N, C-alpha and C. Protein backbone atom coordinates (compact mmCIF):
# COMPACT_ATOMS: atom_id res chain seq x y z
N UNK A 1 13.10 45.16 -4.24
CA UNK A 1 11.50 44.82 -3.71
C UNK A 1 10.86 44.20 -4.37
N UNK A 2 10.35 44.67 -5.53
CA UNK A 2 9.46 44.10 -6.67
C UNK A 2 9.75 42.51 -7.09
N UNK A 3 10.95 42.48 -7.13
CA UNK A 3 11.35 40.95 -7.26
C UNK A 3 10.93 40.00 -6.27
N UNK A 4 11.36 40.45 -5.27
CA UNK A 4 10.90 39.38 -4.01
C UNK A 4 9.20 39.25 -3.84
N UNK A 5 8.69 40.51 -3.99
CA UNK A 5 7.28 40.37 -4.26
C UNK A 5 6.78 39.60 -5.33
N UNK A 6 7.01 39.70 -6.32
CA UNK A 6 6.79 38.67 -7.56
C UNK A 6 7.18 37.28 -7.11
N UNK A 7 8.42 37.03 -6.61
CA UNK A 7 8.60 35.63 -6.29
C UNK A 7 7.92 35.18 -5.21
N UNK A 8 7.40 35.88 -4.19
CA UNK A 8 6.41 35.48 -3.09
C UNK A 8 5.07 35.05 -3.76
N UNK A 9 4.75 35.87 -4.59
CA UNK A 9 3.14 35.71 -5.02
C UNK A 9 3.46 34.50 -6.13
N UNK A 10 4.26 34.28 -6.78
CA UNK A 10 4.52 32.84 -7.51
C UNK A 10 4.65 31.77 -6.66
N UNK A 11 5.39 31.93 -5.42
CA UNK A 11 5.45 30.95 -4.60
C UNK A 11 3.88 30.51 -4.05
N UNK A 12 3.13 31.52 -3.60
CA UNK A 12 1.89 31.42 -2.83
C UNK A 12 0.97 30.67 -3.96
N UNK A 13 1.10 31.20 -5.26
CA UNK A 13 0.13 30.61 -6.56
C UNK A 13 0.56 29.13 -6.56
N UNK A 14 1.85 28.87 -6.57
CA UNK A 14 2.34 27.30 -7.10
C UNK A 14 1.65 26.73 -5.52
N UNK A 15 1.98 26.82 -4.38
CA UNK A 15 1.48 26.11 -3.37
C UNK A 15 -0.20 25.90 -3.16
N UNK A 16 -0.75 27.30 -3.59
CA UNK A 16 -2.42 26.96 -3.67
C UNK A 16 -2.78 26.07 -4.78
N UNK A 17 -1.88 25.96 -5.90
CA UNK A 17 -2.49 25.13 -6.84
C UNK A 17 -2.00 23.66 -6.45
N UNK A 18 -0.88 23.32 -5.95
CA UNK A 18 -0.46 22.18 -5.43
C UNK A 18 -1.52 21.77 -4.52
N UNK A 19 -2.10 22.40 -3.30
CA UNK A 19 -2.75 22.17 -2.58
C UNK A 19 -4.18 21.68 -3.02
N UNK A 20 -4.73 22.36 -3.97
CA UNK A 20 -6.14 22.22 -4.56
C UNK A 20 -5.93 20.99 -5.23
N UNK A 21 -4.86 20.64 -6.05
CA UNK A 21 -4.46 19.42 -7.06
C UNK A 21 -4.59 18.30 -5.97
N UNK A 22 -3.93 18.27 -4.87
CA UNK A 22 -3.75 17.05 -4.10
C UNK A 22 -5.02 16.81 -3.18
N UNK A 23 -5.83 17.70 -2.91
CA UNK A 23 -7.15 17.77 -2.18
C UNK A 23 -7.93 17.13 -3.25
N UNK A 24 -8.02 17.56 -4.13
CA UNK A 24 -8.90 16.85 -5.40
C UNK A 24 -8.64 15.52 -5.70
N UNK A 25 -7.45 15.34 -5.57
CA UNK A 25 -6.98 13.85 -5.80
C UNK A 25 -7.45 12.95 -4.64
N UNK A 26 -7.21 13.41 -3.53
CA UNK A 26 -7.58 12.72 -2.39
C UNK A 26 -9.20 12.49 -1.96
N UNK A 27 -9.83 13.72 -2.48
CA UNK A 27 -11.27 13.37 -2.31
C UNK A 27 -11.92 12.56 -3.53
N UNK A 28 -11.07 12.27 -4.51
CA UNK A 28 -11.61 11.52 -5.60
C UNK A 28 -11.30 9.99 -5.43
N UNK A 29 -10.16 9.99 -4.38
CA UNK A 29 -9.57 8.52 -4.26
C UNK A 29 -10.19 7.83 -3.01
N UNK A 30 -11.39 8.47 -2.57
CA UNK A 30 -12.17 8.16 -1.24
C UNK A 30 -12.70 6.72 -1.62
N UNK A 31 -12.19 5.72 -2.07
CA UNK A 31 -12.77 4.38 -2.62
C UNK A 31 -11.73 3.42 -2.25
N UNK A 32 -12.06 1.94 -2.16
CA UNK A 32 -11.22 0.92 -2.00
C UNK A 32 -10.45 0.96 -3.12
N UNK A 33 -8.91 0.36 -3.01
CA UNK A 33 -7.99 -0.03 -3.79
C UNK A 33 -7.55 -1.22 -3.52
N UNK A 34 -7.87 -2.21 -4.46
CA UNK A 34 -7.22 -3.67 -4.18
C UNK A 34 -6.16 -4.02 -4.75
N UNK A 35 -5.47 -4.46 -3.81
CA UNK A 35 -4.03 -4.95 -4.41
C UNK A 35 -4.01 -6.43 -4.10
N UNK A 36 -3.56 -7.21 -5.02
CA UNK A 36 -3.54 -8.81 -4.53
C UNK A 36 -2.11 -9.46 -4.98
N UNK A 37 -1.64 -10.11 -4.21
CA UNK A 37 -0.24 -10.93 -4.70
C UNK A 37 -0.49 -12.35 -4.30
N UNK A 38 -0.28 -13.15 -5.75
CA UNK A 38 -0.42 -14.37 -5.87
C UNK A 38 0.82 -15.18 -5.81
N UNK A 39 1.27 -16.26 -5.04
CA UNK A 39 2.49 -17.11 -5.04
C UNK A 39 2.24 -18.50 -4.85
N UNK A 40 3.17 -19.18 -5.62
CA UNK A 40 2.75 -20.63 -5.34
C UNK A 40 4.38 -21.43 -5.05
N UNK A 41 4.03 -22.33 -4.40
CA UNK A 41 5.67 -23.23 -4.19
C UNK A 41 5.41 -24.77 -4.52
N UNK A 42 6.39 -25.25 -4.89
CA UNK A 42 6.39 -26.47 -5.35
C UNK A 42 7.23 -27.30 -4.39
N UNK A 43 6.22 -28.68 -3.96
CA UNK A 43 6.79 -29.53 -2.97
C UNK A 43 6.67 -31.24 -3.54
N UNK A 44 7.84 -31.60 -3.69
CA UNK A 44 7.98 -33.10 -4.34
C UNK A 44 7.92 -33.94 -3.01
N UNK A 45 6.65 -34.91 -3.27
CA UNK A 45 6.51 -35.88 -2.48
C UNK A 45 7.11 -37.21 -2.80
N UNK A 46 6.93 -37.66 -4.11
CA UNK A 46 7.77 -38.83 -4.43
C UNK A 46 7.99 -38.60 -6.04
N UNK A 47 8.49 -39.56 -6.63
CA UNK A 47 8.66 -39.39 -7.96
C UNK A 47 7.57 -39.16 -9.00
N UNK A 48 6.48 -39.26 -8.64
CA UNK A 48 5.21 -39.12 -9.55
C UNK A 48 4.21 -38.38 -8.96
N UNK A 49 4.30 -37.40 -7.59
CA UNK A 49 3.59 -36.70 -7.22
C UNK A 49 4.34 -35.45 -6.80
N UNK A 50 3.63 -34.14 -7.05
CA UNK A 50 4.05 -32.90 -6.61
C UNK A 50 3.03 -31.95 -6.14
N UNK A 51 3.10 -31.60 -4.96
CA UNK A 51 1.97 -30.51 -4.46
C UNK A 51 2.49 -29.09 -4.75
N UNK A 52 1.61 -28.25 -5.25
CA UNK A 52 1.80 -26.79 -5.27
C UNK A 52 0.75 -26.11 -4.40
N UNK A 53 1.47 -25.54 -3.51
CA UNK A 53 0.72 -24.67 -2.39
C UNK A 53 0.47 -23.36 -2.77
N UNK A 54 -0.59 -22.81 -3.23
CA UNK A 54 -1.01 -21.39 -3.63
C UNK A 54 -1.65 -20.67 -2.46
N UNK A 55 -0.94 -19.36 -2.59
CA UNK A 55 -1.48 -18.41 -1.40
C UNK A 55 -1.71 -16.97 -2.22
N UNK A 56 -2.84 -16.56 -1.79
CA UNK A 56 -3.10 -15.12 -2.37
C UNK A 56 -3.60 -14.22 -1.32
N UNK A 57 -2.81 -13.08 -1.33
CA UNK A 57 -2.87 -11.98 -0.05
C UNK A 57 -3.40 -11.07 -0.79
N UNK A 58 -4.86 -10.35 -0.40
CA UNK A 58 -5.54 -9.28 -0.82
C UNK A 58 -5.44 -8.19 0.29
N UNK A 59 -4.76 -6.88 -0.61
CA UNK A 59 -4.85 -5.74 0.60
C UNK A 59 -5.71 -4.83 -0.13
N UNK A 60 -6.54 -3.84 0.97
CA UNK A 60 -7.02 -2.73 0.56
C UNK A 60 -6.16 -1.52 0.91
N UNK A 61 -5.56 -1.29 -0.08
CA UNK A 61 -4.87 0.13 0.19
C UNK A 61 -5.56 1.41 -0.27
N UNK A 62 -6.89 1.51 -0.32
CA UNK A 62 -7.63 2.60 -0.57
C UNK A 62 -8.01 3.19 0.62
N UNK A 63 -9.17 3.88 0.64
CA UNK A 63 -9.58 4.93 1.82
C UNK A 63 -10.80 4.66 2.44
N UNK A 64 -11.47 3.55 1.52
CA UNK A 64 -12.92 2.99 2.03
C UNK A 64 -12.89 1.55 2.06
N UNK A 65 -13.90 1.10 2.99
CA UNK A 65 -14.18 -0.50 3.03
C UNK A 65 -14.77 -0.85 1.59
N UNK A 66 -14.17 -1.98 1.22
CA UNK A 66 -14.77 -2.78 0.20
C UNK A 66 -15.69 -3.99 0.65
N UNK A 67 -16.73 -4.17 0.00
CA UNK A 67 -17.80 -4.95 0.51
C UNK A 67 -18.03 -6.17 -0.66
N UNK A 68 -18.46 -7.36 -0.19
CA UNK A 68 -18.70 -8.65 -0.86
C UNK A 68 -17.50 -9.17 -1.87
N UNK A 69 -16.38 -9.05 -1.13
CA UNK A 69 -15.02 -9.50 -1.91
C UNK A 69 -14.86 -10.89 -1.74
N UNK A 70 -15.12 -11.11 -3.53
CA UNK A 70 -15.03 -12.32 -3.67
C UNK A 70 -13.77 -12.83 -4.59
N UNK A 71 -13.09 -14.11 -4.26
CA UNK A 71 -11.93 -14.58 -5.04
C UNK A 71 -11.93 -15.53 -5.85
N UNK A 72 -11.56 -15.53 -6.91
CA UNK A 72 -11.76 -16.76 -7.93
C UNK A 72 -10.56 -16.91 -8.61
N UNK A 73 -9.97 -18.23 -8.29
CA UNK A 73 -8.54 -18.41 -9.25
C UNK A 73 -8.95 -19.73 -10.07
N UNK A 74 -9.35 -19.47 -11.20
CA UNK A 74 -9.76 -20.91 -12.24
C UNK A 74 -8.88 -20.91 -12.85
N UNK A 75 -7.40 -20.52 -12.91
CA UNK A 75 -6.55 -20.92 -14.07
C UNK A 75 -5.99 -22.35 -13.76
N UNK A 76 -6.45 -22.83 -12.92
CA UNK A 76 -5.61 -24.32 -12.53
C UNK A 76 -6.83 -25.52 -13.29
N UNK A 77 -6.35 -26.00 -14.63
CA UNK A 77 -6.97 -26.96 -15.15
C UNK A 77 -7.30 -28.47 -14.58
N UNK A 78 -8.45 -28.71 -14.28
CA UNK A 78 -8.80 -30.18 -13.72
C UNK A 78 -7.91 -31.28 -14.21
N UNK A 79 -7.88 -31.31 -15.67
CA UNK A 79 -6.78 -32.70 -16.14
C UNK A 79 -5.43 -32.36 -15.71
N UNK A 80 -4.83 -31.35 -15.02
CA UNK A 80 -3.72 -31.08 -14.92
C UNK A 80 -3.41 -31.10 -13.31
N UNK A 81 -4.52 -30.68 -12.48
CA UNK A 81 -4.27 -30.61 -11.10
C UNK A 81 -5.37 -31.20 -10.35
N UNK A 82 -5.07 -31.65 -9.24
CA UNK A 82 -6.44 -32.25 -8.49
C UNK A 82 -6.13 -31.35 -7.06
N UNK A 83 -7.35 -31.07 -6.46
CA UNK A 83 -7.28 -30.17 -5.34
C UNK A 83 -7.06 -31.23 -4.09
N UNK A 84 -6.13 -30.95 -3.25
CA UNK A 84 -5.77 -31.69 -2.05
C UNK A 84 -6.47 -30.85 -0.90
N UNK A 85 -6.30 -29.55 -0.58
CA UNK A 85 -6.87 -29.25 0.60
C UNK A 85 -7.48 -27.58 -0.15
N UNK A 86 -8.50 -27.16 0.58
CA UNK A 86 -8.79 -25.72 0.37
C UNK A 86 -9.75 -25.78 -0.89
N UNK A 87 -9.90 -24.53 -1.30
CA UNK A 87 -10.87 -24.26 -2.49
C UNK A 87 -10.12 -22.97 -3.16
N UNK A 88 -10.55 -23.32 -4.48
CA UNK A 88 -9.97 -21.95 -5.36
C UNK A 88 -10.84 -20.69 -5.30
N UNK A 89 -11.73 -20.93 -4.79
CA UNK A 89 -12.71 -19.55 -4.44
C UNK A 89 -12.75 -19.33 -2.71
N UNK A 90 -13.03 -18.27 -2.62
CA UNK A 90 -13.34 -17.64 -1.56
C UNK A 90 -14.28 -16.33 -1.29
N UNK A 91 -14.97 -15.91 -0.34
CA UNK A 91 -15.60 -14.81 -0.01
C UNK A 91 -15.40 -14.02 1.51
N UNK A 92 -15.29 -12.90 1.19
CA UNK A 92 -15.41 -12.19 2.65
C UNK A 92 -16.17 -10.91 2.45
N UNK A 93 -17.03 -10.83 3.56
CA UNK A 93 -18.42 -9.79 3.42
C UNK A 93 -17.72 -8.35 3.38
N UNK A 94 -16.59 -8.27 4.07
CA UNK A 94 -15.97 -6.72 3.89
C UNK A 94 -14.47 -6.97 4.16
N UNK A 95 -13.67 -5.97 3.57
CA UNK A 95 -12.14 -5.67 3.71
C UNK A 95 -12.42 -4.28 3.76
N UNK A 96 -11.95 -3.94 5.20
CA UNK A 96 -11.73 -2.50 5.76
C UNK A 96 -10.65 -1.78 4.98
N UNK A 97 -10.37 -0.55 5.17
CA UNK A 97 -9.29 0.39 4.47
C UNK A 97 -8.20 -0.13 5.44
N UNK A 98 -7.15 -0.49 4.60
CA UNK A 98 -5.73 -0.77 5.38
C UNK A 98 -5.76 -2.23 5.72
N UNK A 99 -6.68 -2.97 5.26
CA UNK A 99 -6.95 -4.48 6.03
C UNK A 99 -6.36 -5.31 4.88
N UNK A 100 -6.07 -6.52 5.37
CA UNK A 100 -5.63 -7.76 4.56
C UNK A 100 -6.20 -8.92 4.89
N UNK A 101 -6.64 -9.80 3.82
CA UNK A 101 -6.75 -11.25 3.87
C UNK A 101 -6.02 -12.11 3.09
N UNK A 102 -6.13 -13.42 3.55
CA UNK A 102 -5.17 -14.10 2.75
C UNK A 102 -6.02 -15.52 2.64
N UNK A 103 -5.80 -16.40 1.40
CA UNK A 103 -6.39 -17.53 1.26
C UNK A 103 -5.39 -18.56 0.57
N UNK A 104 -5.47 -19.48 0.86
CA UNK A 104 -4.44 -20.53 0.56
C UNK A 104 -5.07 -21.91 0.07
N UNK A 105 -4.67 -22.63 -0.88
CA UNK A 105 -5.14 -23.86 -1.01
C UNK A 105 -3.97 -24.74 -1.67
N UNK A 106 -4.10 -26.09 -1.68
CA UNK A 106 -3.18 -27.01 -2.01
C UNK A 106 -3.45 -27.78 -3.18
N UNK A 107 -2.78 -27.89 -4.22
CA UNK A 107 -3.01 -28.70 -5.43
C UNK A 107 -2.09 -29.89 -5.51
N UNK A 108 -2.56 -30.89 -6.33
CA UNK A 108 -1.35 -32.13 -6.67
C UNK A 108 -1.45 -31.72 -8.25
N UNK A 109 -0.18 -31.93 -8.71
CA UNK A 109 0.27 -32.20 -10.21
C UNK A 109 -0.10 -33.34 -10.53
N UNK A 110 -0.62 -33.50 -11.72
CA UNK A 110 -0.92 -34.92 -12.54
C UNK A 110 -0.13 -35.06 -13.56
N UNK A 111 0.53 -33.94 -14.19
CA UNK A 111 0.94 -33.87 -15.53
C UNK A 111 2.50 -33.24 -15.38
N UNK A 112 3.30 -34.07 -16.10
CA UNK A 112 4.71 -33.46 -16.13
C UNK A 112 4.84 -32.39 -17.42
N UNK A 113 5.37 -31.18 -16.69
CA UNK A 113 5.56 -30.09 -17.74
C UNK A 113 5.74 -28.62 -17.35
N UNK A 114 5.60 -27.51 -18.08
CA UNK A 114 5.75 -26.44 -17.64
C UNK A 114 4.58 -25.88 -17.52
N UNK A 115 3.90 -25.15 -16.74
CA UNK A 115 2.52 -24.44 -16.24
C UNK A 115 2.74 -23.00 -16.04
N UNK A 116 1.97 -22.23 -16.67
CA UNK A 116 2.15 -20.67 -16.37
C UNK A 116 0.46 -20.50 -16.09
N UNK A 117 0.33 -20.23 -14.83
CA UNK A 117 -0.87 -19.62 -14.33
C UNK A 117 -1.39 -18.33 -14.39
N UNK A 118 -2.69 -18.01 -15.01
CA UNK A 118 -3.14 -16.49 -14.83
C UNK A 118 -3.20 -15.89 -13.56
N UNK A 119 -3.65 -14.68 -13.68
CA UNK A 119 -3.82 -14.09 -12.33
C UNK A 119 -5.45 -14.32 -11.71
N UNK A 120 -5.48 -14.49 -10.61
CA UNK A 120 -6.78 -14.43 -9.68
C UNK A 120 -7.39 -13.29 -9.94
N UNK A 121 -8.83 -13.50 -10.05
CA UNK A 121 -9.80 -12.51 -10.26
C UNK A 121 -10.42 -12.04 -8.83
N UNK A 122 -10.38 -10.85 -8.30
CA UNK A 122 -11.06 -10.50 -7.27
C UNK A 122 -12.14 -9.23 -7.64
N UNK A 123 -13.34 -9.70 -6.97
CA UNK A 123 -14.40 -8.69 -7.26
C UNK A 123 -15.00 -8.36 -5.79
N UNK A 124 -15.26 -6.91 -6.05
CA UNK A 124 -15.78 -6.39 -4.69
C UNK A 124 -16.86 -5.14 -5.27
N UNK A 125 -17.47 -4.74 -4.15
CA UNK A 125 -18.48 -3.81 -4.44
C UNK A 125 -18.09 -2.51 -3.44
N UNK A 126 -18.18 -1.29 -4.19
CA UNK A 126 -18.10 -0.17 -3.71
C UNK A 126 -19.39 0.53 -3.36
N UNK A 127 -19.95 0.98 -2.28
CA UNK A 127 -21.32 1.34 -1.94
C UNK A 127 -21.71 2.79 -2.96
N UNK A 128 -20.42 3.26 -3.51
CA UNK A 128 -21.19 4.56 -4.31
C UNK A 128 -21.43 4.19 -5.88
N UNK A 129 -21.06 2.99 -6.14
CA UNK A 129 -21.23 2.33 -7.41
C UNK A 129 -22.09 1.13 -7.40
N UNK A 130 -22.85 1.16 -8.56
CA UNK A 130 -23.81 -0.23 -8.80
C UNK A 130 -23.19 -1.46 -9.22
N UNK A 131 -22.30 -1.28 -10.01
CA UNK A 131 -21.68 -2.32 -10.72
C UNK A 131 -20.49 -3.11 -9.95
N UNK A 132 -20.30 -4.18 -9.90
CA UNK A 132 -18.98 -4.78 -9.10
C UNK A 132 -17.81 -4.42 -9.78
N UNK A 133 -16.79 -3.95 -9.06
CA UNK A 133 -15.60 -3.80 -9.45
C UNK A 133 -14.44 -4.99 -9.51
N UNK A 134 -13.51 -4.99 -10.19
CA UNK A 134 -12.62 -5.98 -10.53
C UNK A 134 -11.31 -5.64 -10.52
N UNK A 135 -10.56 -6.65 -9.76
CA UNK A 135 -9.16 -6.39 -9.59
C UNK A 135 -8.31 -7.88 -9.80
N UNK A 136 -7.33 -7.62 -10.13
CA UNK A 136 -6.53 -8.90 -10.66
C UNK A 136 -5.28 -9.25 -9.60
N UNK A 137 -4.93 -10.40 -9.44
CA UNK A 137 -3.53 -10.59 -8.78
C UNK A 137 -2.36 -10.40 -9.33
N UNK A 138 -1.23 -10.79 -8.90
CA UNK A 138 -0.14 -10.75 -9.60
C UNK A 138 -0.14 -12.17 -10.30
N UNK A 139 0.35 -12.24 -11.76
CA UNK A 139 0.50 -13.77 -11.97
C UNK A 139 1.66 -14.40 -11.34
N UNK A 140 1.74 -15.90 -11.46
CA UNK A 140 2.83 -16.67 -10.66
C UNK A 140 3.93 -16.79 -11.86
N UNK A 141 5.11 -17.05 -11.51
CA UNK A 141 6.13 -17.59 -12.49
C UNK A 141 6.07 -18.90 -12.99
N UNK A 142 6.29 -19.10 -13.96
CA UNK A 142 6.40 -20.54 -14.43
C UNK A 142 6.50 -21.57 -13.59
N UNK A 143 5.96 -22.58 -13.67
CA UNK A 143 6.14 -23.97 -12.56
C UNK A 143 6.89 -25.04 -13.42
N UNK A 144 7.82 -25.72 -13.16
CA UNK A 144 8.16 -26.80 -13.87
C UNK A 144 7.68 -28.06 -12.99
N UNK A 145 6.60 -28.64 -13.50
CA UNK A 145 6.13 -29.67 -13.00
C UNK A 145 6.60 -31.13 -13.08
N UNK A 146 6.78 -31.76 -11.86
CA UNK A 146 7.55 -32.82 -11.87
C UNK A 146 8.86 -33.06 -13.10
N UNK A 147 9.52 -32.27 -12.95
CA UNK A 147 10.95 -32.07 -13.76
C UNK A 147 11.69 -32.71 -12.85
N UNK A 148 12.80 -33.18 -13.76
CA UNK A 148 13.74 -33.85 -12.96
C UNK A 148 14.79 -32.95 -12.51
N UNK A 149 15.21 -32.95 -11.53
CA UNK A 149 15.90 -31.76 -10.69
C UNK A 149 17.40 -32.47 -10.23
N UNK A 150 18.47 -31.74 -10.83
CA UNK A 150 19.93 -32.35 -10.19
C UNK A 150 19.94 -32.16 -8.80
N UNK A 151 20.42 -33.38 -8.00
CA UNK A 151 20.41 -33.58 -6.71
C UNK A 151 21.79 -32.35 -6.31
N UNK A 152 21.22 -31.74 -5.32
CA UNK A 152 22.08 -30.86 -4.83
C UNK A 152 23.32 -31.47 -4.09
N UNK A 153 24.76 -30.77 -4.45
CA UNK A 153 25.73 -31.53 -3.80
C UNK A 153 25.82 -31.24 -2.39
N UNK A 154 26.69 -32.04 -1.64
CA UNK A 154 26.76 -31.82 -0.32
C UNK A 154 27.26 -30.58 0.07
N UNK A 155 28.32 -30.29 -0.45
CA UNK A 155 28.76 -28.70 0.22
C UNK A 155 28.45 -27.53 -0.81
N UNK A 156 27.42 -27.77 -1.64
CA UNK A 156 27.12 -26.46 -2.26
C UNK A 156 26.55 -25.53 -1.39
N UNK A 157 26.05 -25.85 -0.29
CA UNK A 157 25.40 -24.60 0.56
C UNK A 157 26.24 -23.95 1.02
N UNK A 158 27.66 -24.75 1.24
CA UNK A 158 28.55 -24.11 2.09
C UNK A 158 29.34 -22.97 1.06
N UNK A 159 29.50 -23.48 -0.15
CA UNK A 159 29.75 -22.56 -1.29
C UNK A 159 29.33 -21.17 -1.33
N UNK A 160 28.02 -21.48 -1.61
CA UNK A 160 27.29 -20.22 -1.38
C UNK A 160 27.38 -19.29 -0.48
N UNK A 161 27.16 -19.80 0.89
CA UNK A 161 27.69 -19.01 1.97
C UNK A 161 29.02 -18.22 1.95
N UNK A 162 30.06 -18.84 1.46
CA UNK A 162 31.22 -18.58 1.57
C UNK A 162 31.43 -17.61 0.46
N UNK A 163 30.67 -17.71 -0.65
CA UNK A 163 30.97 -16.73 -1.59
C UNK A 163 30.08 -15.43 -1.24
N UNK A 164 28.99 -15.64 -0.47
CA UNK A 164 28.17 -14.38 -0.29
C UNK A 164 28.78 -13.79 1.13
N UNK A 165 29.00 -14.36 1.78
CA UNK A 165 29.50 -13.73 3.27
C UNK A 165 30.94 -13.73 3.45
N UNK A 166 31.76 -14.21 2.58
CA UNK A 166 33.34 -14.45 2.77
C UNK A 166 33.81 -13.10 3.18
N UNK A 167 33.68 -12.24 2.27
CA UNK A 167 34.43 -11.02 2.71
C UNK A 167 34.08 -10.48 3.74
N UNK A 168 32.70 -10.31 4.37
CA UNK A 168 32.19 -9.98 5.47
C UNK A 168 33.05 -10.55 6.56
N UNK A 169 32.88 -11.92 6.60
CA UNK A 169 33.57 -12.69 7.69
C UNK A 169 35.22 -12.31 7.87
N UNK A 170 35.65 -12.06 6.67
CA UNK A 170 37.06 -11.63 6.63
C UNK A 170 37.30 -10.25 7.43
N UNK A 171 36.56 -9.39 7.07
CA UNK A 171 36.55 -8.00 7.69
C UNK A 171 36.57 -8.24 9.04
N UNK A 172 35.35 -8.74 9.51
CA UNK A 172 35.03 -8.79 11.06
C UNK A 172 36.14 -9.53 11.64
N UNK A 173 36.87 -10.33 11.26
CA UNK A 173 37.88 -11.31 11.88
C UNK A 173 39.22 -10.30 11.85
N UNK A 174 39.51 -9.57 10.98
CA UNK A 174 40.56 -8.70 11.05
C UNK A 174 40.43 -7.55 11.97
N UNK A 175 39.15 -7.13 11.91
CA UNK A 175 39.02 -6.08 12.93
C UNK A 175 38.85 -6.68 14.21
N UNK A 176 38.51 -7.53 14.70
CA UNK A 176 38.39 -8.12 15.84
C UNK A 176 39.86 -8.50 16.49
N UNK A 177 40.59 -8.89 15.55
CA UNK A 177 42.29 -9.32 15.87
C UNK A 177 42.78 -7.90 16.11
N UNK A 178 42.28 -7.01 15.69
CA UNK A 178 43.05 -5.50 15.62
C UNK A 178 42.54 -4.99 17.18
N UNK A 179 41.19 -5.17 17.25
CA UNK A 179 40.85 -4.76 18.68
C UNK A 179 41.29 -5.66 19.87
N UNK A 180 41.60 -6.77 19.53
CA UNK A 180 42.10 -7.73 20.47
C UNK A 180 43.49 -7.20 20.89
N UNK A 181 44.43 -7.18 19.86
CA UNK A 181 45.80 -6.61 19.85
C UNK A 181 45.56 -5.35 20.75
N UNK A 182 44.96 -4.40 20.47
CA UNK A 182 45.19 -3.13 21.18
C UNK A 182 44.50 -2.97 22.62
N UNK A 183 43.70 -4.15 22.76
CA UNK A 183 42.89 -4.03 24.21
C UNK A 183 43.69 -5.13 25.09
N UNK A 184 44.23 -6.18 24.70
CA UNK A 184 45.45 -7.08 25.42
C UNK A 184 46.62 -6.31 25.75
N UNK A 185 46.89 -6.56 27.03
CA UNK A 185 48.08 -5.98 27.71
C UNK A 185 49.38 -6.85 27.14
N UNK A 186 50.23 -5.86 26.82
CA UNK A 186 51.58 -6.71 26.14
C UNK A 186 52.29 -7.27 27.24
N UNK A 187 53.31 -8.03 26.99
CA UNK A 187 54.28 -8.52 28.32
C UNK A 187 55.37 -7.57 28.93
N UNK A 188 55.45 -6.70 28.04
CA UNK A 188 56.71 -5.48 28.32
C UNK A 188 56.09 -4.89 29.26
N UNK A 189 54.56 -4.34 28.97
CA UNK A 189 54.16 -3.51 29.77
C UNK A 189 53.80 -4.00 31.10
N UNK A 190 53.66 -5.35 31.14
CA UNK A 190 53.36 -6.03 32.53
C UNK A 190 54.67 -6.17 33.43
N UNK A 191 55.76 -6.27 32.79
CA UNK A 191 57.01 -6.11 33.32
C UNK A 191 57.51 -4.91 34.11
N UNK A 192 56.93 -3.63 33.25
CA UNK A 192 57.35 -2.18 33.83
C UNK A 192 56.30 -2.02 34.85
N UNK A 193 55.36 -2.64 35.41
CA UNK A 193 54.26 -2.45 36.22
C UNK A 193 54.93 -3.02 37.68
N UNK A 194 55.57 -3.70 37.58
CA UNK A 194 56.26 -4.43 38.92
C UNK A 194 57.36 -3.79 39.51
């Protein structure tokens, strides 16, 4: 009996400790938590020009609203890139908890070579703090600008599909053949019914 009582007391102590710990963390995390994802894609227009489309998704994963949210992506040098559409900066008055905003712009590459961009900088204001808070986006993968790419062979996509889904197609066809044989009436059973 004493053993059960001590186990119950230990369980209650651990439960209360865990509850206090989680409630303290939740109370202190009553602020915005900004997560930003930056991605870039290339599109070849002609042999001497390539467009880079950049999109940045900003999420507020915290429990409070972020105010005066500003985005600055100054990692694109002017001697390498020219702006085709959009702007590398943007501003939102507020980003509610659980909210998301997106921004995109398009650049044209002027120089051939490899480019590695830095993360975008997001600044926002929290009502309980005087200083602006800073968050960074994910960096982009290195871009091969105006690089010579081997032309894709005509049936290369068919080979990739066959390699990826070939076993699945064969299993489905064998199962469907089995179901057809089991379900379809045989000729010998049709003669016995007459």
